[in-house]
Protein backbone atom coordinates (compact mmCIF):
# COMPACT_ATOMS: atom_id res chain seq x y z
CA MET A 1 21.30 80.28 42.55
CA ILE A 2 22.52 78.46 45.44
CA ALA A 3 20.28 74.86 46.98
CA ALA A 4 21.01 72.94 48.78
CA ALA A 5 19.45 69.11 48.93
CA ILE A 6 19.97 66.83 52.68
CA ASP A 7 18.99 63.07 51.23
CA ILE A 8 18.10 61.54 54.69
CA GLY A 9 18.19 58.39 54.70
CA THR A 10 17.71 55.01 56.62
CA ASN A 11 21.28 54.35 57.12
CA SER A 12 22.80 58.25 56.26
CA VAL A 13 23.03 61.44 55.53
CA LEU A 14 23.85 62.86 52.66
CA LEU A 15 24.12 66.74 51.63
CA THR A 16 24.62 68.57 48.15
CA VAL A 17 25.23 71.11 47.95
CA GLY A 18 25.45 73.61 44.71
CA GLU A 19 25.12 76.41 42.13
CA ARG A 20 23.26 77.57 39.58
CA ALA A 21 25.53 79.03 36.90
CA PRO A 22 23.76 82.05 34.56
CA GLY A 23 24.36 79.61 31.48
CA GLY A 24 22.58 77.20 33.65
CA GLU A 25 24.95 74.94 34.22
CA ILE A 26 25.03 73.79 38.20
CA HIS A 27 28.77 74.08 39.29
CA ILE A 28 29.07 71.25 43.05
CA LEU A 29 30.17 73.13 45.92
CA ASP A 30 29.59 70.35 48.68
CA ASP A 31 29.63 66.69 48.58
CA ARG A 32 29.63 64.82 51.87
CA SER A 33 27.44 62.43 54.13
CA GLU A 34 27.58 60.85 57.86
CA ILE A 35 26.42 57.51 58.52
CA THR A 36 23.90 57.99 61.52
CA ARG A 37 21.54 55.18 61.25
CA LEU A 38 18.10 57.01 61.64
CA GLY A 39 16.60 53.46 61.15
CA GLN A 40 18.01 51.54 63.82
CA GLY A 41 15.22 49.06 65.14
CA VAL A 42 12.68 50.76 62.37
CA ASP A 43 11.64 47.08 60.69
CA HIS A 44 11.05 45.38 64.31
CA ASP A 45 8.20 47.41 65.91
CA ARG A 46 8.40 50.87 63.06
CA LEU A 47 9.39 53.04 65.88
CA LEU A 48 12.06 55.83 64.97
CA ARG A 49 14.57 55.39 68.63
CA PRO A 50 15.12 59.50 71.17
CA GLU A 51 19.18 58.75 70.30
CA ALA A 52 18.54 57.82 66.37
CA MET A 53 16.60 60.71 65.30
CA ALA A 54 19.17 62.83 68.03
CA ARG A 55 22.04 61.77 66.41
CA THR A 56 20.46 62.08 62.66
CA ALA A 57 18.69 65.60 63.90
CA ALA A 58 22.48 66.76 64.43
CA ALA A 59 23.92 65.41 61.52
CA VAL A 60 21.03 67.28 59.68
CA ALA A 61 21.50 70.38 61.50
CA GLU A 62 25.13 70.87 60.97
CA PHE A 63 24.43 70.06 57.46
CA ALA A 64 22.17 72.85 56.41
CA GLU A 65 24.48 75.45 58.29
CA ARG A 66 27.18 74.26 56.10
CA ALA A 67 24.66 75.05 53.41
CA ARG A 68 23.50 78.64 54.39
CA ARG A 69 27.56 79.33 55.18
CA LEU A 70 28.10 78.70 51.62
CA GLY A 71 25.12 81.13 50.20
CA ALA A 72 22.11 78.88 49.61
CA ALA A 73 19.02 80.89 49.40
CA VAL A 74 17.24 77.18 50.24
CA VAL A 75 17.34 74.22 51.76
CA ARG A 76 15.36 71.27 50.88
CA ALA A 77 15.34 67.24 52.87
CA VAL A 78 14.15 65.04 52.52
CA GLY A 79 13.54 61.48 54.16
CA THR A 80 13.33 58.17 52.52
CA SER A 81 12.27 54.19 53.86
CA ALA A 82 13.17 54.56 58.08
CA ALA A 83 10.85 58.49 57.44
CA ARG A 84 7.94 55.91 55.69
CA ASP A 85 7.81 53.38 57.26
CA ALA A 86 8.05 54.83 60.84
CA ARG A 87 5.01 55.87 63.64
CA ASN A 88 6.76 58.75 64.72
CA THR A 89 7.84 60.78 62.19
CA GLU A 90 6.26 63.24 63.58
CA ALA A 91 8.33 63.62 66.22
CA PHE A 92 11.35 63.16 64.71
CA ALA A 93 9.87 65.72 62.02
CA ARG A 94 9.05 68.49 65.18
CA LEU A 95 12.66 67.82 66.00
CA LEU A 96 14.63 68.51 63.10
CA ARG A 97 12.24 71.89 62.55
CA GLU A 98 14.14 72.72 65.95
CA ARG A 99 17.93 71.83 65.27
CA ALA A 100 17.30 72.94 62.21
CA GLY A 101 14.63 75.18 60.99
CA LEU A 102 13.84 72.49 59.06
CA ALA A 103 10.67 70.99 57.42
CA LEU A 104 11.06 67.08 56.85
CA GLU A 105 9.64 66.13 53.45
CA VAL A 106 9.01 62.53 53.28
CA LEU A 107 9.24 61.07 49.98
CA SER A 108 6.97 58.41 49.08
CA GLY A 109 8.69 55.57 47.22
CA GLU A 110 7.31 56.42 43.81
CA GLU A 111 8.79 60.11 44.53
CA GLU A 112 12.16 58.56 45.28
CA ALA A 113 11.98 55.97 42.68
CA ARG A 114 11.80 59.35 40.09
CA LEU A 115 14.85 61.36 41.97
CA SER A 116 16.98 58.96 41.62
CA TYR A 117 16.51 58.15 38.03
CA GLN A 118 16.65 61.93 37.37
CA ALA A 119 19.73 62.60 39.06
CA VAL A 120 21.21 59.58 36.77
CA ARG A 121 19.28 59.62 33.44
CA GLY A 122 19.98 63.51 33.16
CA ASP A 123 24.49 62.70 34.27
CA ALA A 124 26.45 63.26 30.95
CA SER A 125 29.13 62.20 32.87
CA LEU A 126 28.03 58.29 32.82
CA GLY A 127 27.96 57.96 28.79
CA LEU A 128 25.11 56.02 29.02
CA PRO A 129 23.45 55.47 25.56
CA PRO A 130 20.17 56.18 24.74
CA GLY A 131 17.54 53.71 25.48
CA ASP A 132 16.20 52.12 27.71
CA LEU A 133 17.86 52.51 31.03
CA ILE A 134 17.59 50.76 34.68
CA VAL A 135 18.86 53.04 38.00
CA VAL A 136 18.65 50.73 41.82
CA ASP A 137 18.97 52.09 44.69
CA ILE A 138 19.81 50.24 47.18
CA GLY A 139 20.04 51.86 50.73
CA GLY A 140 19.44 50.89 54.72
CA GLY A 141 15.39 50.27 54.90
CA SER A 142 14.49 49.88 50.59
CA ALA A 143 15.75 49.57 47.33
CA GLU A 144 14.23 51.49 44.40
CA PHE A 145 14.09 50.34 40.49
CA ILE A 146 13.98 52.06 38.19
CA HIS A 147 12.86 51.50 34.07
CA GLY A 148 12.75 54.53 32.01
CA ASP A 149 14.14 56.30 28.72
CA GLU A 150 14.94 59.18 27.70
CA ALA A 151 11.23 60.24 27.19
CA ALA A 152 9.59 58.63 30.78
CA ILE A 153 9.90 55.96 33.32
CA ARG A 154 8.15 53.22 32.42
CA PHE A 155 8.56 51.08 35.55
CA ARG A 156 9.11 52.16 39.49
CA ALA A 157 9.10 49.99 42.44
CA SER A 158 9.93 50.47 46.30
CA ILE A 159 10.72 47.02 47.98
CA ASP A 160 10.94 46.38 52.00
CA CYS A 161 14.60 44.92 51.35
CA GLY A 162 17.45 47.68 52.23
CA ALA A 163 20.63 46.39 54.16
CA VAL A 164 19.78 47.72 57.38
CA ARG A 165 16.42 46.02 57.26
CA THR A 166 17.67 42.81 55.86
CA THR A 167 20.93 42.61 58.52
CA GLU A 168 18.58 43.00 61.60
CA ARG A 169 15.97 40.84 60.06
CA PHE A 170 18.54 38.26 59.19
CA PHE A 171 22.26 38.09 60.53
CA ALA A 172 21.56 37.78 64.24
CA ASP A 173 25.54 36.01 64.91
CA ASP A 174 28.75 37.86 63.33
CA PRO A 175 29.62 36.69 60.94
CA PRO A 176 26.32 34.77 60.18
CA THR A 177 25.68 31.17 59.47
CA PRO A 178 25.34 29.34 56.24
CA ALA A 179 21.47 29.09 57.16
CA GLN A 180 20.82 32.37 57.92
CA MET A 181 23.23 33.85 54.51
CA ALA A 182 20.94 31.24 52.51
CA ALA A 183 17.45 32.29 54.88
CA ALA A 184 18.35 35.52 53.49
CA ALA A 185 19.34 35.10 49.84
CA ALA A 186 16.05 32.95 49.61
CA TRP A 187 14.16 36.27 51.07
CA LEU A 188 15.11 38.97 48.80
CA ASP A 189 14.60 36.54 46.09
CA ALA A 190 11.01 36.01 47.52
CA ARG A 191 10.64 40.23 47.36
CA LEU A 192 12.40 40.32 44.32
CA GLY A 193 9.43 38.44 42.68
CA ALA A 194 7.63 40.97 42.46
CA LEU A 195 9.05 42.80 39.61
CA PRO A 196 8.36 42.63 36.48
CA ASP A 197 10.23 40.73 33.52
CA LEU A 198 12.11 44.41 32.70
CA PRO A 199 14.15 44.34 29.95
CA ALA A 200 16.87 42.63 28.98
CA GLY A 201 19.65 44.00 28.25
CA ALA A 202 19.28 47.73 29.59
CA PRO A 203 22.88 49.25 31.58
CA LEU A 204 21.96 48.79 35.34
CA VAL A 205 23.01 52.12 36.65
CA GLY A 206 23.26 51.82 40.81
CA ILE A 207 22.96 54.41 43.37
CA GLY A 208 23.39 55.10 47.06
CA GLY A 209 26.08 53.71 49.76
CA THR A 210 26.45 50.50 48.82
CA PHE A 211 27.43 50.66 45.65
CA VAL A 212 30.35 53.83 46.34
CA ASN A 213 31.66 50.75 49.20
CA LEU A 214 31.78 48.03 47.08
CA ALA A 215 33.34 50.11 43.99
CA GLY A 216 35.56 51.51 47.16
CA VAL A 217 36.60 48.01 47.84
CA ARG A 218 37.16 46.64 44.37
CA LEU A 219 39.36 49.38 43.74
CA ALA A 220 41.32 48.55 47.92
CA LEU A 221 41.26 52.68 47.75
CA PRO A 222 42.57 54.29 51.27
CA GLU A 223 40.19 56.81 51.21
CA PHE A 224 37.27 58.26 49.10
CA GLN A 225 37.92 59.46 45.69
CA PRO A 226 34.72 60.21 43.79
CA GLY A 227 36.04 60.54 40.66
CA ARG A 228 37.81 57.21 40.23
CA LEU A 229 34.62 55.52 41.47
CA HIS A 230 31.75 57.36 39.47
CA GLY A 231 31.12 55.40 36.64
CA LEU A 232 32.88 52.52 37.63
CA LEU A 233 31.91 49.13 36.24
CA LEU A 234 31.15 46.53 38.97
CA ASP A 235 31.17 42.49 38.04
CA ARG A 236 29.05 40.08 39.10
CA GLY A 237 31.89 37.77 40.36
CA ALA A 238 33.31 40.84 41.91
CA VAL A 239 30.26 41.01 43.88
CA GLU A 240 30.05 37.24 45.02
CA ARG A 241 33.92 37.34 46.32
CA GLN A 242 33.14 40.52 48.08
CA ILE A 243 30.20 38.72 49.19
CA ALA A 244 31.99 35.83 49.91
CA ARG A 245 34.52 37.47 52.13
CA PHE A 246 32.78 39.51 54.19
CA ALA A 247 30.85 36.83 55.43
CA SER A 248 33.94 35.32 56.19
CA MET A 249 34.93 37.90 58.98
CA PRO A 250 33.04 39.60 61.68
CA THR A 251 32.12 42.72 61.19
CA GLU A 252 35.03 44.72 63.54
CA ALA A 253 37.84 42.97 61.05
CA ARG A 254 36.03 44.19 58.08
CA ARG A 255 36.62 48.13 59.30
CA GLY A 256 39.88 47.62 58.35
CA ILE A 257 38.99 46.93 54.52
CA PRO A 258 40.45 49.58 52.34
CA GLY A 259 37.66 50.80 51.08
CA LEU A 260 34.97 50.28 52.93
CA GLU A 261 33.65 53.14 54.96
CA PRO A 262 34.27 51.70 58.95
CA LYS A 263 30.56 52.27 59.69
CA ARG A 264 29.51 50.40 57.05
CA ALA A 265 31.17 47.57 57.93
CA ASP A 266 27.98 45.84 59.86
CA ILE A 267 25.44 46.31 56.75
CA ILE A 268 27.70 45.98 53.80
CA LEU A 269 27.17 41.96 53.63
CA ALA A 270 23.26 42.79 53.40
CA GLY A 271 23.56 45.29 51.06
CA ALA A 272 26.46 43.39 48.63
CA LEU A 273 23.87 39.58 48.91
CA LEU A 274 21.38 42.00 47.85
CA LEU A 275 23.02 42.85 44.61
CA GLY A 276 24.15 39.54 43.57
CA ARG A 277 20.74 38.45 43.67
CA ILE A 278 19.31 41.35 41.78
CA LEU A 279 22.48 40.37 38.81
CA GLU A 280 22.06 37.24 39.13
CA ARG A 281 18.27 37.47 38.72
CA ARG A 282 18.67 40.11 35.79
CA ARG A 283 22.07 38.02 34.19
CA ALA A 284 23.25 40.93 34.21
CA ASP A 285 27.29 40.60 34.17
CA VAL A 286 28.08 44.70 35.46
CA ILE A 287 26.73 47.61 36.81
CA ARG A 288 27.86 50.93 36.65
CA VAL A 289 28.43 53.21 39.73
CA SER A 290 26.96 56.58 40.23
CA VAL A 291 27.99 58.43 43.11
CA ARG A 292 25.50 60.57 42.38
CA GLY A 293 21.88 59.89 44.03
CA LEU A 294 18.81 60.85 45.41
CA ARG A 295 20.12 64.39 46.58
CA TYR A 296 21.57 65.17 43.20
CA GLY A 297 17.87 64.76 41.61
CA VAL A 298 16.19 66.57 44.42
CA LEU A 299 18.82 69.06 43.38
CA PHE A 300 18.91 69.45 40.14
CA GLU A 301 14.90 69.59 40.63
CA MET A 302 15.25 72.84 42.36
CA MET A 303 16.86 74.34 39.85
CA ALA A 304 14.06 73.59 37.71
CA GLY A 305 15.26 70.86 36.26
CA GLU A 306 18.62 71.83 34.62
CA ALA A 307 21.19 69.04 34.35
CA PRO A 308 24.55 68.65 35.93
CA ALA A 309 27.39 69.60 33.83
């Protein structure tokens, strides 16, 4: 069986195509992403912009066609924070049906958290120990926090403090002023304060573009190399140094940083700041990076919950 999952996020669209072999293992045939910024301005008026819907629908249509050429019998498109928050999501859903021939499935925050956890918990390549696990997914519009073990998810929450939302709300100057940085940090701390005290010492795994790009910058990679990024440990000191580095330069200068996707240069500071506040709150020294996010959970579920090879 060949199937494809398309994750339509606030900031980017991601595609994963997989094939289930007779023995049950899953082979990944394609894995790619494109930044389309569907959630541009959604935090302000809860409306998807026509131009944002058009460029996102074009990317989804291209990905769907690619998946079908690879033999995907089923293509599942899921929307997250921006699609949940917008008052005109149905207009975007109609556009997807017209351009890509796909039905848009808008995930609740809890469903997004469940699938994200599944993508990490079932990934043997991460070498995670048994017992407690906390998965953190920093997206453009929201951040998901999921605590569980092998048996079940114990807690999950979706908080509207993603990298795009934080950038649009606080960083009017480029680079932000110290006052803007302080205001953003205080707001993030308040949002994170709503989380319960999760088990101390539980390993943390981060998914989403923020983590992948911070890991890429940590290694100064000239190009995306998932094999080197997957499983990398980001320590708190490295995150704090990156925050200071990003805050010291305008967006245009950030675009030249090795390892950073140029289209993410305007929101990487907010994503790094959020991660820094999470590590501070958890009193955690490190977080492990996974390049396999929500779309992998969707794909594995489509294939009867088979774990990745």
